[in-house]
Amino acid sequence: MALYWHKLGRTRGFGGNKMMKFFNIYFAITMNGTVDQIYENRAIVELVAKDGHAHEESLPIWIFPCKIEEGTKFSIKTKQNTITIQCSQ
């Protein structure tokens, strides 16, 4: 299952142009991530960019298109004005 967000439309309640700009600026073209901890309604995740640099971030749990728990793996891909968050099986 994947979460798709496009400049002209959105699914799963992905919030507005500010969120799109944040992801386009902050994230590289593709990042792989792992949920490290869940605290209240936020997931502490480790994101690894293509160049191997790791970043720890806090993301809202509603942003994920699947039920998450510690150890859940996912990827974030940006292409033009589309962002895809996909959970690994």
Foldseek 3Di string as FASTA:
>chain_A
DKFKQFPVGGPLCPDDDVSLVCCVPPADQKWKKFFAADDDQWTFMWIAHPVGDIDTDIDGNSVAPDDDHGGWMWMWGDDDGMIMIGTDD
